[in-house]
Every structure is written in structure tokens, then in C-alpha cells.
PDB file of N, CA and C in Angstrom:
ATOM      1  N   MET A   1     -53.226 -39.830 -12.543  1.00  0.00           N
ATOM      2  CA  MET A   1     -52.109 -40.808 -12.665  1.00  0.00           C
ATOM      3  C   MET A   1     -51.166 -40.899 -11.343  1.00  0.00           C
ATOM      4  N   ASP A   2     -51.120 -42.290 -10.961  1.00  0.00           N
ATOM      5  CA  ASP A   2     -50.027 -42.821  -9.449  1.00  0.00           C
ATOM      6  C   ASP A   2     -48.573 -42.879 -10.449  1.00  0.00           C
ATOM      7  N   VAL A   3     -48.136 -42.474  -9.318  1.00  0.00           N
ATOM      8  CA  VAL A   3     -46.769 -42.370  -9.241  1.00  0.00           C
ATOM      9  C   VAL A   3     -46.211 -43.827  -8.766  1.00  0.00           C
ATOM     10  N   ILE A   4     -45.193 -44.512  -9.634  1.00  0.00           N
ATOM     11  CA  ILE A   4     -44.688 -45.979  -9.119  1.00  0.00           C
ATOM     12  C   ILE A   4     -43.517 -45.554  -8.785  1.00  0.00           C
ATOM     13  N   LEU A   5     -42.971 -46.041  -7.802  1.00  0.00           N
ATOM     14  CA  LEU A   5     -41.789 -45.720  -6.844  1.00  0.00           C
ATOM     15  C   LEU A   5     -41.046 -47.113  -7.169  1.00  0.00           C
ATOM     16  N   ALA A   6     -40.647 -47.650  -8.102  1.00  0.00           N
ATOM     17  CA  ALA A   6     -40.059 -48.767  -8.175  1.00  0.00           C
ATOM     18  C   ALA A   6     -39.665 -48.997  -9.678  1.00  0.00           C
ATOM     19  N   PRO A   7     -38.226 -49.531  -9.992  1.00  0.00           N
ATOM     20  CA  PRO A   7     -37.981 -49.742 -11.398  1.00  0.00           C
ATOM     21  C   PRO A   7     -38.882 -50.488 -11.860  1.00  0.00           C
ATOM     22  N   SER A   8     -39.690 -51.597 -11.668  1.00  0.00           N
ATOM     23  CA  SER A   8     -40.509 -52.294 -12.354  1.00  0.00           C
ATOM     24  C   SER A   8     -41.553 -52.594 -11.053  1.00  0.00           C
ATOM     25  N   SER A   9     -42.728 -53.304 -12.074  1.00  0.00           N
ATOM     26  CA  SER A   9     -43.809 -53.401 -11.450  1.00  0.00           C
ATOM     27  C   SER A   9     -44.639 -54.781 -12.012  1.00  0.00           C
ATOM     28  N   VAL A  10     -44.999 -55.517 -11.245  1.00  0.00           N
ATOM     29  CA  VAL A  10     -46.438 -56.531 -11.418  1.00  0.00           C
ATOM     30  C   VAL A  10     -47.651 -56.522 -11.062  1.00  0.00           C
ATOM     31  N   GLY A  11     -48.528 -57.037 -11.883  1.00  0.00           N
ATOM     32  CA  GLY A  11     -49.818 -57.082 -11.503  1.00  0.00           C
ATOM     33  C   GLY A  11     -49.905 -57.845 -10.347  1.00  0.00           C
ATOM     34  N   ILE A  12     -50.863 -57.759  -9.747  1.00  0.00           N
ATOM     35  CA  ILE A  12     -51.338 -58.791  -8.606  1.00  0.00           C
ATOM     36  C   ILE A  12     -51.634 -60.022  -8.682  1.00  0.00           C
ATOM     37  N   SER A  13     -52.480 -60.335  -9.968  1.00  0.00           N
ATOM     38  CA  SER A  13     -52.711 -61.628 -10.613  1.00  0.00           C
ATOM     39  C   SER A  13     -51.466 -62.378 -10.676  1.00  0.00           C
ATOM     40  N   GLU A  14     -50.512 -61.594 -11.500  1.00  0.00           N
ATOM     41  CA  GLU A  14     -49.375 -62.201 -11.795  1.00  0.00           C
ATOM     42  C   GLU A  14     -48.471 -62.794 -10.691  1.00  0.00           C
ATOM     43  N   LEU A  15     -48.408 -61.828  -9.414  1.00  0.00           N
ATOM     44  CA  LEU A  15     -47.713 -61.990  -8.660  1.00  0.00           C
ATOM     45  C   LEU A  15     -48.210 -63.365  -7.695  1.00  0.00           C
ATOM     46  N   LYS A  16     -49.428 -63.547  -7.628  1.00  0.00           N
ATOM     47  CA  LYS A  16     -50.213 -64.586  -6.927  1.00  0.00           C
ATOM     48  C   LYS A  16     -49.914 -65.732  -7.914  1.00  0.00           C
ATOM     49  N   VAL A  17     -49.573 -65.682  -9.030  1.00  0.00           N
ATOM     50  CA  VAL A  17     -49.321 -66.954 -10.038  1.00  0.00           C
ATOM     51  C   VAL A  17     -47.883 -67.475  -9.610  1.00  0.00           C
ATOM     52  N   ASN A  18     -46.914 -66.769  -9.611  1.00  0.00           N
ATOM     53  CA  ASN A  18     -45.590 -67.034  -9.291  1.00  0.00           C
ATOM     54  C   ASN A  18     -44.501 -66.389  -8.907  1.00  0.00           C
ATOM     55  N   PRO A  19     -45.160 -66.000  -7.457  1.00  0.00           N
ATOM     56  CA  PRO A  19     -44.120 -64.741  -6.469  1.00  0.00           C
ATOM     57  C   PRO A  19     -42.573 -65.429  -6.697  1.00  0.00           C
ATOM     58  N   ASN A  20     -42.267 -66.024  -6.673  1.00  0.00           N
ATOM     59  CA  ASN A  20     -40.659 -66.599  -6.886  1.00  0.00           C
ATOM     60  C   ASN A  20     -40.023 -65.952  -8.561  1.00  0.00           C
ATOM     61  N   ALA A  21     -40.829 -66.310  -9.220  1.00  0.00           N
ATOM     62  CA  ALA A  21     -40.634 -65.360 -10.521  1.00  0.00           C
ATOM     63  C   ALA A  21     -40.644 -64.263 -10.268  1.00  0.00           C
ATOM     64  N   VAL A  22     -41.307 -63.380  -9.948  1.00  0.00           N
ATOM     65  CA  VAL A  22     -41.574 -62.149  -9.506  1.00  0.00           C
ATOM     66  C   VAL A  22     -40.207 -61.510  -8.958  1.00  0.00           C
ATOM     67  N   ILE A  23     -40.034 -62.235  -7.562  1.00  0.00           N
ATOM     68  CA  ILE A  23     -38.744 -61.656  -6.656  1.00  0.00           C
ATOM     69  C   ILE A  23     -37.535 -61.902  -7.634  1.00  0.00           C
ATOM     70  N   GLU A  24     -37.478 -63.248  -8.277  1.00  0.00           N
ATOM     71  CA  GLU A  24     -35.882 -63.534  -8.820  1.00  0.00           C
ATOM     72  C   GLU A  24     -35.959 -62.415 -10.118  1.00  0.00           C
ATOM     73  N   ALA A  25     -36.593 -62.252 -10.688  1.00  0.00           N
ATOM     74  CA  ALA A  25     -36.804 -61.277 -11.946  1.00  0.00           C
ATOM     75  C   ALA A  25     -36.473 -59.709 -11.555  1.00  0.00           C
ATOM     76  N   ALA A  26     -36.553 -59.394 -10.137  1.00  0.00           N
ATOM     77  CA  ALA A  26     -36.267 -58.001  -9.709  1.00  0.00           C
ATOM     78  C   ALA A  26     -34.911 -58.059  -9.604  1.00  0.00           C
ATOM     79  N   GLU A  27     -34.134 -59.131  -9.149  1.00  0.00           N
ATOM     80  CA  GLU A  27     -32.661 -58.859  -9.232  1.00  0.00           C
ATOM     81  C   GLU A  27     -32.393 -57.920  -7.736  1.00  0.00           C
ATOM     82  N   GLY A  28     -32.909 -57.995  -6.500  1.00  0.00           N
ATOM     83  CA  GLY A  28     -32.920 -57.254  -5.854  1.00  0.00           C
ATOM     84  C   GLY A  28     -33.481 -56.080  -5.547  1.00  0.00           C
ATOM     85  N   MET A  29     -34.021 -55.676  -6.542  1.00  0.00           N
ATOM     86  CA  MET A  29     -34.891 -54.327  -6.510  1.00  0.00           C
ATOM     87  C   MET A  29     -36.198 -54.146  -5.920  1.00  0.00           C
ATOM     88  N   PRO A  30     -36.830 -52.839  -5.624  1.00  0.00           N
ATOM     89  CA  PRO A  30     -38.226 -53.263  -5.518  1.00  0.00           C
ATOM     90  C   PRO A  30     -39.051 -53.280  -6.562  1.00  0.00           C
ATOM     91  N   VAL A  31     -40.337 -53.654  -6.192  1.00  0.00           N
ATOM     92  CA  VAL A  31     -41.443 -54.180  -7.386  1.00  0.00           C
ATOM     93  C   VAL A  31     -42.649 -53.486  -6.838  1.00  0.00           C
ATOM     94  N   ALA A  32     -43.486 -52.732  -7.468  1.00  0.00           N
ATOM     95  CA  ALA A  32     -44.320 -52.513  -7.279  1.00  0.00           C
ATOM     96  C   ALA A  32     -45.459 -53.322  -7.840  1.00  0.00           C
ATOM     97  N   VAL A  33     -46.552 -53.326  -6.764  1.00  0.00           N
ATOM     98  CA  VAL A  33     -47.342 -54.396  -6.919  1.00  0.00           C
ATOM     99  C   VAL A  33     -48.975 -53.709  -7.409  1.00  0.00           C
ATOM    100  N   LEU A  34     -49.254 -53.816  -8.502  1.00  0.00           N
ATOM    101  CA  LEU A  34     -50.256 -53.201  -8.996  1.00  0.00           C
ATOM    102  C   LEU A  34     -51.876 -53.615  -8.804  1.00  0.00           C
ATOM    103  N   ASN A  35     -52.780 -53.243  -8.961  1.00  0.00           N
ATOM    104  CA  ASN A  35     -54.204 -53.356  -8.959  1.00  0.00           C
ATOM    105  C   ASN A  35     -54.713 -52.810  -9.652  1.00  0.00           C
ATOM    106  N   ARG A  36     -55.436 -53.142 -10.914  1.00  0.00           N
ATOM    107  CA  ARG A  36     -55.969 -52.171 -11.859  1.00  0.00           C
ATOM    108  C   ARG A  36     -55.325 -51.152 -12.237  1.00  0.00           C
ATOM    109  N   ASN A  37     -53.928 -51.280 -12.456  1.00  0.00           N
ATOM    110  CA  ASN A  37     -52.725 -50.377 -13.056  1.00  0.00           C
ATOM    111  C   ASN A  37     -52.602 -49.206 -11.867  1.00  0.00           C
ATOM    112  N   LYS A  38     -53.063 -49.509 -10.774  1.00  0.00           N
ATOM    113  CA  LYS A  38     -52.406 -48.457  -9.497  1.00  0.00           C
ATOM    114  C   LYS A  38     -51.488 -49.369  -8.425  1.00  0.00           C
ATOM    115  N   PRO A  39     -50.619 -48.593  -7.998  1.00  0.00           N
ATOM    116  CA  PRO A  39     -49.975 -49.490  -7.056  1.00  0.00           C
ATOM    117  C   PRO A  39     -50.558 -49.520  -5.843  1.00  0.00           C
ATOM    118  N   VAL A  40     -50.667 -51.032  -4.956  1.00  0.00           N
ATOM    119  CA  VAL A  40     -51.423 -51.085  -4.050  1.00  0.00           C
ATOM    120  C   VAL A  40     -50.304 -51.622  -2.712  1.00  0.00           C
ATOM    121  N   ALA A  41     -48.963 -51.962  -3.361  1.00  0.00           N
ATOM    122  CA  ALA A  41     -48.001 -52.659  -2.547  1.00  0.00           C
ATOM    123  C   ALA A  41     -46.740 -52.379  -3.215  1.00  0.00           C
ATOM    124  N   TYR A  42     -45.637 -52.417  -2.511  1.00  0.00           N
ATOM    125  CA  TYR A  42     -44.478 -52.756  -2.509  1.00  0.00           C
ATOM    126  C   TYR A  42     -43.827 -53.816  -2.607  1.00  0.00           C
ATOM    127  N   LEU A  43     -42.903 -54.733  -2.962  1.00  0.00           N
ATOM    128  CA  LEU A  43     -42.544 -55.960  -2.486  1.00  0.00           C
ATOM    129  C   LEU A  43     -40.704 -55.317  -2.512  1.00  0.00           C
ATOM    130  N   LEU A  44     -40.242 -55.567  -1.353  1.00  0.00           N
ATOM    131  CA  LEU A  44     -38.891 -55.259  -1.422  1.00  0.00           C
ATOM    132  C   LEU A  44     -37.973 -56.417  -0.838  1.00  0.00           C
ATOM    133  N   PRO A  45     -36.895 -56.528  -1.190  1.00  0.00           N
ATOM    134  CA  PRO A  45     -35.745 -57.745  -0.708  1.00  0.00           C
ATOM    135  C   PRO A  45     -35.940 -57.427   0.670  1.00  0.00           C
ATOM    136  N   ALA A  46     -35.730 -58.924   1.583  1.00  0.00           N
ATOM    137  CA  ALA A  46     -35.267 -58.393   2.972  1.00  0.00           C
ATOM    138  C   ALA A  46     -34.224 -57.678   3.406  1.00  0.00           C
ATOM    139  N   ALA A  47     -33.268 -57.533   2.611  1.00  0.00           N
ATOM    140  CA  ALA A  47     -32.009 -56.745   3.202  1.00  0.00           C
ATOM    141  C   ALA A  47     -32.444 -55.304   3.165  1.00  0.00           C
ATOM    142  N   ALA A  48     -33.573 -54.802   2.048  1.00  0.00           N
ATOM    143  CA  ALA A  48     -33.732 -53.532   1.564  1.00  0.00           C
ATOM    144  C   ALA A  48     -34.710 -53.203   2.917  1.00  0.00           C
ATOM    145  N   TRP A  49     -35.405 -53.923   3.296  1.00  0.00           N
ATOM    146  CA  TRP A  49     -36.568 -53.830   4.262  1.00  0.00           C
ATOM    147  C   TRP A  49     -35.835 -53.399   5.867  1.00  0.00           C
ATOM    148  N   GLU A  50     -34.871 -54.340   6.011  1.00  0.00           N
ATOM    149  CA  GLU A  50     -34.032 -54.440   7.326  1.00  0.00           C
ATOM    150  C   GLU A  50     -33.376 -52.938   7.316  1.00  0.00           C
ATOM    151  N   ALA A  51     -32.683 -52.375   6.189  1.00  0.00           N
ATOM    152  CA  ALA A  51     -31.804 -51.297   6.317  1.00  0.00           C
ATOM    153  C   ALA A  51     -32.733 -49.937   6.367  1.00  0.00           C
ATOM    154  N   ILE A  52     -34.158 -49.952   6.001  1.00  0.00           N
ATOM    155  CA  ILE A  52     -35.019 -49.097   6.185  1.00  0.00           C
ATOM    156  C   ILE A  52     -35.551 -49.066   7.340  1.00  0.00           C
ATOM    157  N   CYS A  53     -35.478 -50.174   8.078  1.00  0.00           N
ATOM    158  CA  CYS A  53     -35.863 -50.143   9.470  1.00  0.00           C
ATOM    159  C   CYS A  53     -34.857 -49.581  10.486  1.00  0.00           C
ATOM    160  N   ASP A  54     -33.454 -50.032   9.949  1.00  0.00           N
ATOM    161  CA  ASP A  54     -32.395 -49.645  10.764  1.00  0.00           C
ATOM    162  C   ASP A  54     -32.497 -48.311  10.722  1.00  0.00           C
ATOM    163  N   ARG A  55     -32.426 -47.393   9.684  1.00  0.00           N
ATOM    164  CA  ARG A  55     -32.541 -46.419   9.399  1.00  0.00           C
ATOM    165  C   ARG A  55     -33.407 -45.445  10.528  1.00  0.00           C
ATOM    166  N   LEU A  56     -34.801 -45.906  10.187  1.00  0.00           N
ATOM    167  CA  LEU A  56     -35.510 -45.434  10.875  1.00  0.00           C
ATOM    168  C   LEU A  56     -35.741 -45.641  12.676  1.00  0.00           C
ATOM    169  N   GLU A  57     -34.779 -46.399  13.029  1.00  0.00           N
ATOM    170  CA  GLU A  57     -34.496 -46.598  14.434  1.00  0.00           C
ATOM    171  C   GLU A  57     -33.432 -45.407  14.434  1.00  0.00           C
ATOM    172  N   ASP A  58     -32.199 -45.333  13.768  1.00  0.00           N
ATOM    173  CA  ASP A  58     -31.426 -44.228  13.917  1.00  0.00           C
ATOM    174  C   ASP A  58     -32.017 -42.928  14.140  1.00  0.00           C
ATOM    175  N   ILE A  59     -32.858 -42.693  13.207  1.00  0.00           N
ATOM    176  CA  ILE A  59     -33.517 -41.272  13.195  1.00  0.00           C
ATOM    177  C   ILE A  59     -34.272 -41.132  14.684  1.00  0.00           C
ATOM    178  N   GLU A  60     -35.143 -42.284  14.985  1.00  0.00           N
ATOM    179  CA  GLU A  60     -35.846 -42.033  16.436  1.00  0.00           C
ATOM    180  C   GLU A  60     -34.939 -42.003  17.385  1.00  0.00           C
ATOM    181  N   LEU A  61     -33.624 -42.522  17.635  1.00  0.00           N
ATOM    182  CA  LEU A  61     -32.784 -42.594  18.668  1.00  0.00           C
ATOM    183  C   LEU A  61     -32.250 -41.050  18.436  1.00  0.00           C
ATOM    184  N   LYS A  62     -32.006 -40.437  17.258  1.00  0.00           N
ATOM    185  CA  LYS A  62     -31.244 -39.152  17.199  1.00  0.00           C
ATOM    186  C   LYS A  62     -32.233 -38.201  17.831  1.00  0.00           C
ATOM    187  N   GLU A  63     -33.542 -38.371  17.384  1.00  0.00           N
ATOM    188  CA  GLU A  63     -34.679 -37.624  18.328  1.00  0.00           C
ATOM    189  C   GLU A  63     -34.670 -37.372  19.502  1.00  0.00           C
ATOM    190  N   VAL A  64     -34.468 -38.941  20.118  1.00  0.00           N
ATOM    191  CA  VAL A  64     -34.190 -38.662  21.533  1.00  0.00           C
ATOM    192  C   VAL A  64     -33.035 -37.949  22.014  1.00  0.00           C
ATOM    193  N   ALA A  65     -31.920 -38.364  21.585  1.00  0.00           N
ATOM    194  CA  ALA A  65     -30.664 -37.823  22.015  1.00  0.00           C
ATOM    195  C   ALA A  65     -30.834 -36.262  21.944  1.00  0.00           C
ATOM    196  N   GLU A  66     -31.782 -35.621  20.854  1.00  0.00           N
ATOM    197  CA  GLU A  66     -31.634 -34.120  20.830  1.00  0.00           C
ATOM    198  C   GLU A  66     -32.564 -33.703  21.820  1.00  0.00           C
ATOM    199  N   GLN A  67     -33.881 -34.408  22.235  1.00  0.00           N
ATOM    200  CA  GLN A  67     -34.454 -34.026  23.202  1.00  0.00           C
ATOM    201  C   GLN A  67     -33.815 -33.996  24.553  1.00  0.00           C
ATOM    202  N   ARG A  68     -33.012 -34.810  24.692  1.00  0.00           N
ATOM    203  CA  ARG A  68     -32.258 -34.925  26.002  1.00  0.00           C
ATOM    204  C   ARG A  68     -31.433 -34.090  26.261  1.00  0.00           C
ATOM    205  N   LEU A  69     -30.583 -33.799  24.988  1.00  0.00           N
ATOM    206  CA  LEU A  69     -29.849 -32.318  24.789  1.00  0.00           C
ATOM    207  C   LEU A  69     -30.444 -31.118  25.257  1.00  0.00           C
ATOM    208  N   ALA A  70     -31.510 -30.894  24.831  1.00  0.00           N
ATOM    209  CA  ALA A  70     -32.290 -29.832  24.762  1.00  0.00           C
ATOM    210  C   ALA A  70     -33.164 -29.797  26.531  1.00  0.00           C
ATOM    211  N   ASP A  71     -32.761 -30.465  27.152  1.00  0.00           N
ATOM    212  CA  ASP A  71     -33.494 -30.673  28.394  1.00  0.00           C
ATOM    213  C   ASP A  71     -33.143 -29.628  29.418  1.00  0.00           C
ATOM    214  N   GLY A  72     -31.332 -28.878  29.330  1.00  0.00           N
ATOM    215  CA  GLY A  72     -30.922 -28.095  30.120  1.00  0.00           C
ATOM    216  C   GLY A  72     -30.059 -28.804  31.123  1.00  0.00           C
ATOM    217  N   LYS A  73     -30.159 -30.032  31.302  1.00  0.00           N
ATOM    218  CA  LYS A  73     -29.368 -30.899  32.114  1.00  0.00           C
ATOM    219  C   LYS A  73     -27.694 -30.919  31.694  1.00  0.00           C
ATOM    220  N   ALA A  74     -26.859 -30.996  32.643  1.00  0.00           N
ATOM    221  CA  ALA A  74     -25.591 -31.046  32.380  1.00  0.00           C
ATOM    222  C   ALA A  74     -25.267 -32.304  31.634  1.00  0.00           C
ATOM    223  N   ALA A  75     -24.293 -32.507  30.463  1.00  0.00           N
ATOM    224  CA  ALA A  75     -24.033 -33.798  29.876  1.00  0.00           C
ATOM    225  C   ALA A  75     -22.938 -34.730  30.825  1.00  0.00           C
ATOM    226  N   VAL A  76     -23.413 -35.943  31.062  1.00  0.00           N
ATOM    227  CA  VAL A  76     -22.462 -36.882  31.931  1.00  0.00           C
ATOM    228  C   VAL A  76     -21.302 -37.554  30.719  1.00  0.00           C
ATOM    229  N   GLU A  77     -20.061 -37.108  30.799  1.00  0.00           N
ATOM    230  CA  GLU A  77     -19.116 -37.856  30.037  1.00  0.00           C
ATOM    231  C   GLU A  77     -19.214 -39.493  30.848  1.00  0.00           C
ATOM    232  N   VAL A  78     -19.090 -40.349  29.349  1.00  0.00           N
ATOM    233  CA  VAL A  78     -18.882 -41.666  29.549  1.00  0.00           C
ATOM    234  C   VAL A  78     -17.985 -42.235  28.762  1.00  0.00           C
ATOM    235  N   ARG A  79     -16.944 -43.191  29.056  1.00  0.00           N
ATOM    236  CA  ARG A  79     -16.088 -43.790  28.165  1.00  0.00           C
ATOM    237  C   ARG A  79     -16.405 -45.247  27.531  1.00  0.00           C
ATOM    238  N   LEU A  80     -16.289 -45.657  26.493  1.00  0.00           N
ATOM    239  CA  LEU A  80     -16.882 -46.874  26.020  1.00  0.00           C
ATOM    240  C   LEU A  80     -16.587 -48.288  26.902  1.00  0.00           C
ATOM    241  N   ASP A  81     -15.035 -47.976  27.381  1.00  0.00           N
ATOM    242  CA  ASP A  81     -14.813 -48.866  28.007  1.00  0.00           C
ATOM    243  C   ASP A  81     -15.317 -49.148  29.368  1.00  0.00           C
ATOM    244  N   ASP A  82     -15.772 -48.146  30.205  1.00  0.00           N
ATOM    245  CA  ASP A  82     -16.529 -48.122  31.283  1.00  0.00           C
ATOM    246  C   ASP A  82     -18.092 -48.860  31.199  1.00  0.00           C
ATOM    247  N   LEU A  83     -18.088 -48.866  29.940  1.00  0.00           N
ATOM    248  CA  LEU A  83     -19.535 -49.494  29.736  1.00  0.00           C
ATOM    249  C   LEU A  83     -19.412 -51.166  29.738  1.00  0.00           C
TER     250      LEU A  83
END
């Protein structure tokens, strides 16, 4: 049995018939798209996708910062006003 990671789901056939109705019924929450009762995709509101992308970018930048701190070079102090 596949885990569905969304509060609601919709069959792919139903989604094809009226995607706007599915989006409106979701009320801003993710929707699992099912094909033969198995999740094949997730439909997310644009704001949720943008937040996920921002979070992933923050994680990547944190990793870069940690690598740079671990390289043994002395840190350089910078004031935001100087930038």
C-alpha cells in the first residue's frame, strides 16, 4: 500500500476533466494525483511550491557557508552598510 502525503486525493481522469475544480476544492492544500489508486504526482499551490524552493535554496546556501567556514581560512568581517 502506498502512503499518500496529502490531505486529499483525486484520480487523474477526474483531474483531466476539471482541473480548476480540483484546485478550488483543495482550498490551498496539496492534492495527491492517483492513477489506479497509486500516487503518481502531487498538485501544490504556487505559494507552497515557492516556499519549498526557497527552503531548499536556504539549505544549499547553509551547506556552502559551512564548507567555507571549515576550509581553515580566517573569516572576513563585513558590515551590511559596506555592501
